[in-house]
Amino acid sequence: MSTGFTERYRSALMNTFGAPKLVLTRGEGAHVWDEDGQEYVDLLGGIAVNALGHAHPAIVQAVTTQLSTLGHISNFFASAPQIALAEKLLAVVGTGGRDGRVFFTNSGTEANEAAFKLTRRTGRTHLVAMTGSFHGRTMGSLALTSKEAYRAPFEPLPGDVTFVPYGDVDALAAAVTDETAAIVIEPIQGEAGVVVAPEGFLAAARSIADEHGALLWLDEIQSGMGRTGQWLASAPSGVTPDIVTLAKGLGGGFPIGACVGLGRAATLFEPGNHGTTFGGNPVACAAGLAVIATIEEDGLLEHVTVLGQKLRDGLAADPRVAEVTGEGLLIGVVLTDERSAEVAAAALRAGFILNNATPTRVRLAPPLVLTGDDAEAFLQAWPAILEEAFS
């Protein structure tokens, strides 16, 4: 990044993210270009946001068309895209034969904030969350996020929250009581480096929640909307939650989130309990409808399943890789040494954008439209990237 941009960034923006790695100027599909014209394959997708990549014609057309007719209207009124997207989300999420309702937000942390408030409407205040969890940066979402470095500067945080080891059924059963409002789980923990819930854990959580009259809340903000080759990462478990939170890939780069309530959770909110100025605006909902339609029409769920398997197999073949985790195009690479920062830097120099989620874990969350050629190019470059990082 040029010195001029560096100084302008430091002078104008709060220092919440540190210095940016690049100044990006344009994108197309799974490719982006920086200010110097250098091209990169985007294997992070804005952290699982750019489901259809950059400048996808379906999103461009949907947003442009909607904005030319009706942009913002406030929630005193409804719009056709808002209603249609809510209906479509209930169809793809699956209600398990129960009633369902949607509350739209602008982001993932706002979706989780809405869900947090929704759990308070049960009359209970205790929540059980997981170690390794990440649910957002607002005060309520942060209260459910286990990382001490994120939490400590802002304590005391709201809520009575108990953290249990991710995947530990016995610990979960011991923590949940008849005073517990909800259990909150990410089916795949993205921020932790793509850690997958053990088989049977979600089903056990469903049973424990039912035993104590608690809600089961699944945070699918990073893992949902086709990223794992299913609409929800939790789908293979057969578990129907009471609350699902979504965002990231839902708008394909346009800010939108959703808190979906099922069964009794669908009707816990009443007029005046919660609100948002921009949530559910016609333009964001038009973008969400375009994303879902494109995933369906272009067969992207199958594409993600096949290409994800190819990537995981190829990444695992190197001896410097201890394990590859994840499903579809949400992939974690566990290294044999704490070299993830070096791997991310070497990959960037080689023209590939990925993320060092933890010292030993690299995260990939590329656009669902990533091509086989781009995946193959990365796999061909992978051994040299590791060689540079481990040298």
Protein backbone atom coordinates (compact mmCIF):
# COMPACT_ATOMS: atom_id res chain seq x y z
CA MET A 1 0.00 0.00 0.00
CA SER A 2 1.36 3.42 -0.95
CA THR A 3 2.66 5.70 1.78
CA GLY A 4 0.10 8.34 0.83
CA PHE A 5 -2.84 6.02 1.38
CA THR A 6 -1.28 4.72 4.61
CA GLU A 7 -1.02 8.18 6.11
CA ARG A 8 -4.49 9.18 4.92
CA TYR A 9 -5.96 6.01 6.43
CA ARG A 10 -4.25 6.59 9.77
CA SER A 11 -5.33 10.22 9.82
CA ALA A 12 -8.98 9.65 8.94
CA LEU A 13 -10.04 6.30 10.40
CA MET A 14 -10.13 5.04 13.97
CA ASN A 15 -7.43 2.50 14.71
CA THR A 16 -9.71 -0.49 15.25
CA PHE A 17 -8.22 -2.80 12.62
CA GLY A 18 -4.56 -1.82 12.43
CA ALA A 19 -2.95 -0.95 9.12
CA PRO A 20 -4.75 -2.44 6.08
CA LYS A 21 -2.79 -4.96 4.06
CA LEU A 22 -3.88 -3.52 0.71
CA VAL A 23 -5.99 -0.81 -0.88
CA LEU A 24 -8.31 -2.66 -3.25
CA THR A 25 -9.82 -0.77 -6.17
CA ARG A 26 -12.02 -3.24 -8.06
CA GLY A 27 -13.16 -6.84 -8.22
CA GLU A 28 -14.72 -9.31 -10.59
CA GLY A 29 -15.87 -12.79 -9.60
CA ALA A 30 -13.31 -14.24 -7.20
CA HIS A 31 -10.60 -11.78 -8.29
CA VAL A 32 -9.64 -8.37 -6.91
CA TRP A 33 -7.09 -5.75 -7.92
CA ASP A 34 -5.13 -3.34 -5.76
CA GLU A 35 -4.18 0.29 -6.40
CA ASP A 36 -1.05 -0.81 -8.28
CA GLY A 37 -2.99 -3.10 -10.59
CA GLN A 38 -1.82 -6.30 -8.87
CA GLU A 39 -4.37 -9.11 -9.21
CA TYR A 40 -5.32 -11.51 -6.41
CA VAL A 41 -7.58 -14.54 -6.08
CA ASP A 42 -9.89 -13.75 -3.18
CA LEU A 43 -10.06 -16.89 -1.05
CA LEU A 44 -11.57 -15.04 1.92
CA GLY A 45 -14.60 -13.45 0.24
CA GLY A 46 -14.81 -10.56 2.68
CA ILE A 47 -14.88 -13.20 5.45
CA ALA A 48 -17.62 -15.34 3.90
CA VAL A 49 -19.63 -12.30 2.76
CA ASN A 50 -19.16 -12.14 -1.01
CA ALA A 51 -21.16 -15.26 -1.79
CA LEU A 52 -21.37 -14.44 -5.50
CA GLY A 53 -17.97 -12.79 -5.67
CA HIS A 54 -17.45 -9.21 -6.76
CA ALA A 55 -19.66 -7.25 -9.17
CA HIS A 56 -21.97 -10.17 -9.87
CA PRO A 57 -24.50 -9.06 -12.49
CA ALA A 58 -27.48 -10.46 -10.57
CA ILE A 59 -26.74 -8.34 -7.49
CA VAL A 60 -25.81 -5.27 -9.53
CA GLN A 61 -29.08 -5.48 -11.45
CA ALA A 62 -31.22 -6.20 -8.40
CA VAL A 63 -29.78 -3.34 -6.35
CA THR A 64 -29.77 -0.87 -9.24
CA THR A 65 -33.33 -1.66 -10.25
CA GLN A 66 -34.65 -1.47 -6.70
CA LEU A 67 -32.79 1.71 -5.86
CA SER A 68 -34.18 3.37 -8.98
CA THR A 69 -37.72 2.77 -7.78
CA LEU A 70 -37.82 2.56 -3.97
CA GLY A 71 -34.90 2.86 -1.61
CA HIS A 72 -35.61 3.57 2.05
CA ILE A 73 -39.17 3.70 3.41
CA SER A 74 -38.86 3.16 7.22
CA ASN A 75 -40.59 0.36 9.05
CA PHE A 76 -43.87 2.21 9.27
CA PHE A 77 -44.34 0.63 5.85
CA ALA A 78 -43.62 -2.69 4.15
CA SER A 79 -42.17 -3.47 0.74
CA ALA A 80 -42.56 -6.39 -1.63
CA PRO A 81 -38.83 -7.39 -1.46
CA GLN A 82 -38.95 -7.46 2.35
CA ILE A 83 -41.96 -9.76 2.44
CA ALA A 84 -40.65 -11.98 -0.37
CA LEU A 85 -37.22 -12.39 1.25
CA ALA A 86 -38.75 -13.30 4.62
CA GLU A 87 -40.90 -15.94 2.94
CA LYS A 88 -37.92 -17.26 0.99
CA LEU A 89 -35.72 -17.45 4.09
CA LEU A 90 -38.32 -19.47 5.95
CA ALA A 91 -38.44 -21.86 2.98
CA VAL A 92 -34.68 -22.38 2.69
CA VAL A 93 -34.05 -22.49 6.45
CA GLY A 94 -36.90 -24.96 7.01
CA THR A 95 -39.37 -24.50 9.82
CA GLY A 96 -39.78 -28.14 10.77
CA GLY A 97 -43.52 -27.74 10.32
CA ARG A 98 -43.66 -24.92 12.87
CA ASP A 99 -44.58 -21.29 12.55
CA GLY A 100 -41.75 -18.96 11.57
CA ARG A 101 -41.08 -15.22 11.53
CA VAL A 102 -38.11 -13.08 10.43
CA PHE A 103 -36.61 -9.87 11.84
CA PHE A 104 -34.21 -8.16 9.42
CA THR A 105 -31.09 -6.29 10.53
CA ASN A 106 -28.04 -4.73 8.87
CA SER A 107 -25.34 -7.10 10.12
CA GLY A 108 -24.56 -10.30 11.93
CA THR A 109 -23.94 -8.78 15.30
CA GLU A 110 -27.30 -6.96 15.06
CA ALA A 111 -28.99 -10.25 14.20
CA ASN A 112 -27.44 -11.77 17.31
CA GLU A 113 -28.39 -8.72 19.37
CA ALA A 114 -32.00 -9.21 18.28
CA ALA A 115 -31.81 -12.91 19.16
CA PHE A 116 -30.34 -12.05 22.58
CA LYS A 117 -33.28 -9.73 23.27
CA LEU A 118 -35.66 -12.38 21.95
CA THR A 119 -34.40 -14.85 24.57
CA ARG A 120 -35.19 -12.31 27.30
CA ARG A 121 -38.85 -12.50 26.29
CA THR A 122 -38.92 -16.03 27.76
CA GLY A 123 -38.73 -14.45 31.21
CA ARG A 124 -35.33 -16.05 31.80
CA THR A 125 -31.89 -14.41 31.69
CA HIS A 126 -29.33 -17.25 31.76
CA LEU A 127 -27.63 -18.28 28.52
CA VAL A 128 -25.14 -21.03 27.76
CA ALA A 129 -22.52 -20.34 25.09
CA MET A 130 -19.42 -22.15 23.84
CA THR A 131 -15.70 -21.66 24.33
CA GLY A 132 -14.14 -20.58 21.04
CA SER A 133 -17.33 -18.73 20.11
CA PHE A 134 -17.61 -15.47 18.21
CA HIS A 135 -20.99 -13.76 17.90
CA GLY A 136 -20.11 -10.13 17.26
CA ARG A 137 -18.84 -6.88 18.77
CA THR A 138 -21.94 -5.16 20.17
CA MET A 139 -22.25 -5.46 23.92
CA GLY A 140 -24.86 -8.20 23.89
CA SER A 141 -23.17 -10.25 21.19
CA LEU A 142 -19.83 -9.75 22.90
CA ALA A 143 -21.27 -11.15 26.11
CA LEU A 144 -21.69 -14.45 24.24
CA THR A 145 -18.22 -14.33 22.69
CA SER A 146 -15.65 -16.25 24.68
CA LYS A 147 -12.35 -14.67 23.65
CA GLU A 148 -10.95 -12.86 26.67
CA ALA A 149 -9.07 -10.25 24.62
CA TYR A 150 -12.34 -9.12 23.03
CA ARG A 151 -14.32 -9.15 26.27
CA ALA A 152 -12.00 -7.76 28.94
CA PRO A 153 -11.84 -4.08 27.84
CA PHE A 154 -15.65 -3.78 27.94
CA GLU A 155 -16.67 -5.72 31.03
CA PRO A 156 -19.04 -5.85 32.77
CA LEU A 157 -21.04 -7.21 29.87
CA PRO A 158 -24.80 -7.78 29.90
CA GLY A 159 -26.35 -11.11 30.70
CA ASP A 160 -25.75 -14.14 32.85
CA VAL A 161 -23.66 -16.31 30.52
CA THR A 162 -22.00 -19.66 31.18
CA PHE A 163 -19.35 -20.91 28.75
CA VAL A 164 -18.86 -24.64 28.23
CA PRO A 165 -16.29 -26.48 26.09
CA TYR A 166 -17.44 -26.66 22.48
CA GLY A 167 -18.70 -30.14 21.71
CA ASP A 168 -18.77 -31.37 25.32
CA VAL A 169 -22.24 -32.85 25.84
CA ASP A 170 -21.73 -33.61 29.54
CA ALA A 171 -20.58 -30.06 30.29
CA LEU A 172 -23.53 -28.67 28.37
CA ALA A 173 -26.00 -30.86 30.24
CA ALA A 174 -24.50 -29.75 33.55
CA ALA A 175 -24.67 -26.05 32.67
CA VAL A 176 -28.28 -25.86 31.43
CA THR A 177 -30.97 -25.51 34.07
CA ASP A 178 -34.66 -24.68 34.25
CA GLU A 179 -33.56 -21.02 34.45
CA THR A 180 -31.71 -21.12 31.11
CA ALA A 181 -33.26 -19.00 28.37
CA ALA A 182 -31.20 -20.39 25.49
CA ILE A 183 -28.24 -22.40 24.32
CA VAL A 184 -26.29 -20.61 21.56
CA ILE A 185 -24.04 -22.60 19.22
CA GLU A 186 -22.20 -22.05 15.96
CA PRO A 187 -22.45 -25.32 14.00
CA ILE A 188 -19.01 -24.40 12.65
CA GLN A 189 -16.90 -21.90 14.57
CA GLY A 190 -15.42 -19.70 11.86
CA GLU A 191 -13.45 -17.18 13.92
CA ALA A 192 -11.84 -20.03 15.86
CA GLY A 193 -10.37 -21.34 12.61
CA VAL A 194 -13.24 -23.44 11.23
CA VAL A 195 -13.91 -25.83 14.10
CA VAL A 196 -16.75 -28.23 13.35
CA ALA A 197 -19.22 -29.38 16.00
CA PRO A 198 -18.72 -33.08 16.80
CA GLU A 199 -21.28 -35.46 15.34
CA GLY A 200 -24.33 -35.69 17.58
CA PHE A 201 -23.58 -32.48 19.49
CA LEU A 202 -26.38 -30.41 17.96
CA ALA A 203 -28.88 -33.23 18.49
CA ALA A 204 -27.79 -33.49 22.12
CA ALA A 205 -28.14 -29.73 22.53
CA ARG A 206 -31.66 -29.92 21.10
CA SER A 207 -32.57 -32.62 23.61
CA ILE A 208 -31.04 -30.75 26.55
CA ALA A 209 -32.82 -27.52 25.57
CA ASP A 210 -36.15 -29.34 25.33
CA GLU A 211 -35.63 -31.01 28.70
CA HIS A 212 -35.29 -27.63 30.41
CA GLY A 213 -37.68 -25.56 28.29
CA ALA A 214 -34.80 -23.53 26.84
CA LEU A 215 -34.45 -22.24 23.30
CA LEU A 216 -31.84 -23.62 20.91
CA TRP A 217 -30.21 -20.76 19.00
CA LEU A 218 -27.90 -21.57 16.09
CA ASP A 219 -25.62 -18.81 14.86
CA GLU A 220 -25.21 -19.52 11.12
CA ILE A 221 -23.97 -16.05 10.26
CA GLN A 222 -20.73 -17.35 8.76
CA SER A 223 -21.69 -20.95 8.01
CA GLY A 224 -25.11 -20.39 6.44
CA MET A 225 -26.48 -19.37 3.05
CA GLY A 226 -24.91 -22.18 1.05
CA ARG A 227 -21.35 -21.83 2.28
CA THR A 228 -21.07 -25.49 3.30
CA GLY A 229 -23.00 -26.83 0.30
CA GLN A 230 -26.22 -26.69 2.35
CA TRP A 231 -28.38 -23.69 3.13
CA LEU A 232 -27.44 -24.22 6.78
CA ALA A 233 -24.36 -25.99 8.10
CA SER A 234 -26.64 -27.58 10.70
CA ALA A 235 -28.89 -29.19 8.07
CA PRO A 236 -27.16 -32.61 8.00
CA SER A 237 -27.78 -32.96 11.76
CA GLY A 238 -31.55 -32.96 11.19
CA VAL A 239 -31.91 -30.54 14.09
CA THR A 240 -34.47 -27.74 13.86
CA PRO A 241 -33.52 -24.84 16.15
CA ASP A 242 -35.78 -22.24 17.72
CA ILE A 243 -33.65 -19.32 16.53
CA VAL A 244 -31.32 -19.02 13.54
CA THR A 245 -29.20 -15.93 12.92
CA LEU A 246 -27.94 -15.15 9.42
CA ALA A 247 -25.95 -12.40 7.71
CA LYS A 248 -22.65 -12.30 5.75
CA GLY A 249 -23.43 -14.20 2.52
CA LEU A 250 -27.14 -13.35 2.66
CA GLY A 251 -26.65 -10.04 0.85
CA GLY A 252 -23.65 -11.04 -1.23
CA GLY A 253 -21.79 -7.93 -0.06
CA PHE A 254 -24.79 -5.70 0.62
CA PRO A 255 -25.32 -5.24 4.38
CA ILE A 256 -28.17 -7.36 5.70
CA GLY A 257 -28.77 -9.80 8.55
CA ALA A 258 -31.71 -11.79 9.81
CA CYS A 259 -32.95 -13.25 13.09
CA VAL A 260 -35.31 -16.12 12.30
CA GLY A 261 -37.62 -17.33 15.06
CA LEU A 262 -39.32 -20.72 14.81
CA GLY A 263 -42.08 -22.21 16.93
CA ARG A 264 -42.67 -20.24 20.10
CA ALA A 265 -39.68 -18.01 19.32
CA ALA A 266 -41.52 -16.73 16.24
CA THR A 267 -43.97 -14.71 18.31
CA LEU A 268 -42.00 -13.63 21.37
CA PHE A 269 -41.45 -10.10 20.04
CA GLU A 270 -44.38 -7.71 20.20
CA PRO A 271 -44.71 -4.16 18.83
CA GLY A 272 -42.24 -1.89 20.61
CA ASN A 273 -39.92 -4.69 21.82
CA HIS A 274 -37.27 -4.12 19.17
CA GLY A 275 -36.61 -2.05 16.06
CA THR A 276 -34.20 -0.88 13.39
CA THR A 277 -34.04 2.08 11.04
CA PHE A 278 -32.40 0.43 8.04
CA GLY A 279 -33.06 -3.26 8.65
CA GLY A 280 -35.21 -4.88 5.97
CA ASN A 281 -34.92 -1.96 3.56
CA PRO A 282 -36.03 -2.75 0.00
CA VAL A 283 -32.55 -2.53 -1.54
CA ALA A 284 -30.90 -4.94 0.89
CA CYS A 285 -33.79 -7.36 0.55
CA ALA A 286 -33.58 -7.20 -3.24
CA ALA A 287 -29.90 -8.13 -2.94
CA GLY A 288 -30.77 -11.07 -0.67
CA LEU A 289 -33.38 -12.34 -3.11
CA ALA A 290 -30.84 -12.13 -5.95
CA VAL A 291 -28.29 -14.12 -3.96
CA ILE A 292 -30.72 -16.93 -3.14
CA ALA A 293 -32.09 -17.07 -6.70
CA THR A 294 -28.58 -17.27 -8.18
CA ILE A 295 -27.50 -20.01 -5.79
CA GLU A 296 -30.57 -22.02 -6.80
CA GLU A 297 -30.51 -21.34 -10.53
CA ASP A 298 -26.75 -21.86 -10.98
CA GLY A 299 -26.58 -25.04 -8.90
CA LEU A 300 -24.05 -23.50 -6.53
CA LEU A 301 -24.80 -25.80 -3.59
CA GLU A 302 -23.53 -28.79 -5.58
CA HIS A 303 -20.63 -26.74 -6.97
CA VAL A 304 -19.59 -25.73 -3.45
CA THR A 305 -19.75 -29.35 -2.25
CA VAL A 306 -17.59 -30.70 -5.08
CA LEU A 307 -15.06 -27.87 -5.22
CA GLY A 308 -14.76 -27.74 -1.43
CA GLN A 309 -13.85 -31.41 -1.31
CA LYS A 310 -11.21 -30.89 -4.00
CA LEU A 311 -9.66 -28.02 -2.07
CA ARG A 312 -9.67 -29.84 1.25
CA ASP A 313 -8.07 -32.95 -0.26
CA GLY A 314 -5.40 -30.91 -2.01
CA LEU A 315 -4.55 -28.79 1.02
CA ALA A 316 -4.28 -31.84 3.27
CA ALA A 317 -1.71 -33.54 1.03
CA ASP A 318 1.22 -31.47 2.31
CA PRO A 319 3.10 -32.85 5.36
CA ARG A 320 3.14 -29.39 6.96
CA VAL A 321 -0.63 -29.63 7.29
CA ALA A 322 -1.84 -31.53 10.36
CA GLU A 323 -5.56 -31.45 9.53
CA VAL A 324 -8.09 -29.81 7.24
CA THR A 325 -11.51 -29.00 8.71
CA GLY A 326 -14.80 -27.61 7.49
CA GLU A 327 -17.42 -28.27 4.86
CA GLY A 328 -17.96 -26.88 1.38
CA LEU A 329 -16.12 -23.61 0.98
CA LEU A 330 -15.65 -22.90 4.68
CA ILE A 331 -12.24 -24.47 5.20
CA GLY A 332 -9.74 -24.52 8.06
CA VAL A 333 -6.15 -25.64 7.63
CA VAL A 334 -4.41 -26.73 10.82
CA LEU A 335 -0.64 -26.36 10.48
CA THR A 336 2.02 -28.42 12.22
CA ASP A 337 3.60 -25.23 13.61
CA GLU A 338 2.47 -21.72 14.56
CA ARG A 339 3.08 -20.29 11.10
CA SER A 340 -0.36 -19.10 10.01
CA ALA A 341 0.66 -15.42 9.81
CA GLU A 342 3.63 -16.38 7.66
CA VAL A 343 1.39 -18.54 5.45
CA ALA A 344 -1.09 -15.69 4.94
CA ALA A 345 1.72 -13.28 4.08
CA ALA A 346 3.36 -15.72 1.65
CA ALA A 347 0.01 -16.42 0.03
CA LEU A 348 -0.61 -12.69 -0.46
CA ARG A 349 2.77 -12.30 -2.15
CA ALA A 350 1.80 -15.20 -4.40
CA GLY A 351 -1.49 -13.52 -5.31
CA PHE A 352 -3.95 -15.29 -2.99
CA ILE A 353 -5.95 -13.74 -0.13
CA LEU A 354 -6.64 -15.92 2.90
CA ASN A 355 -6.78 -15.46 6.66
CA ASN A 356 -4.65 -16.50 9.64
CA ALA A 357 -7.49 -17.14 12.09
CA THR A 358 -5.30 -18.46 14.92
CA PRO A 359 -1.54 -19.03 15.20
CA THR A 360 -1.93 -22.58 13.84
CA ARG A 361 -5.08 -22.24 11.70
CA VAL A 362 -5.61 -20.72 8.27
CA ARG A 363 -9.17 -19.94 7.14
CA LEU A 364 -10.55 -19.97 3.60
CA ALA A 365 -14.06 -18.72 2.77
CA PRO A 366 -13.96 -17.89 -0.94
CA PRO A 367 -16.93 -16.83 -3.05
CA LEU A 368 -19.29 -19.67 -3.87
CA VAL A 369 -18.60 -18.89 -7.54
CA LEU A 370 -14.89 -19.71 -7.20
CA THR A 371 -13.89 -21.56 -10.37
CA GLY A 372 -12.16 -24.89 -10.63
CA ASP A 373 -9.27 -23.19 -12.42
CA ASP A 374 -8.74 -20.75 -9.55
CA ALA A 375 -8.88 -23.57 -7.01
CA GLU A 376 -6.35 -25.56 -9.04
CA ALA A 377 -4.04 -22.54 -9.34
CA PHE A 378 -4.06 -22.16 -5.57
CA LEU A 379 -3.38 -25.84 -4.97
CA GLN A 380 -0.45 -25.67 -7.39
CA ALA A 381 0.96 -22.69 -5.49
CA TRP A 382 0.27 -24.18 -2.04
CA PRO A 383 3.53 -26.16 -1.56
CA ALA A 384 5.66 -23.12 -2.43
CA ILE A 385 3.61 -20.93 -0.11
CA LEU A 386 4.20 -23.37 2.77
CA GLU A 387 7.88 -23.69 1.89
CA GLU A 388 8.33 -19.93 2.13
CA ALA A 389 6.32 -19.69 5.35
CA PHE A 390 8.14 -22.56 7.09
CA SER A 391 11.64 -21.56 6.01
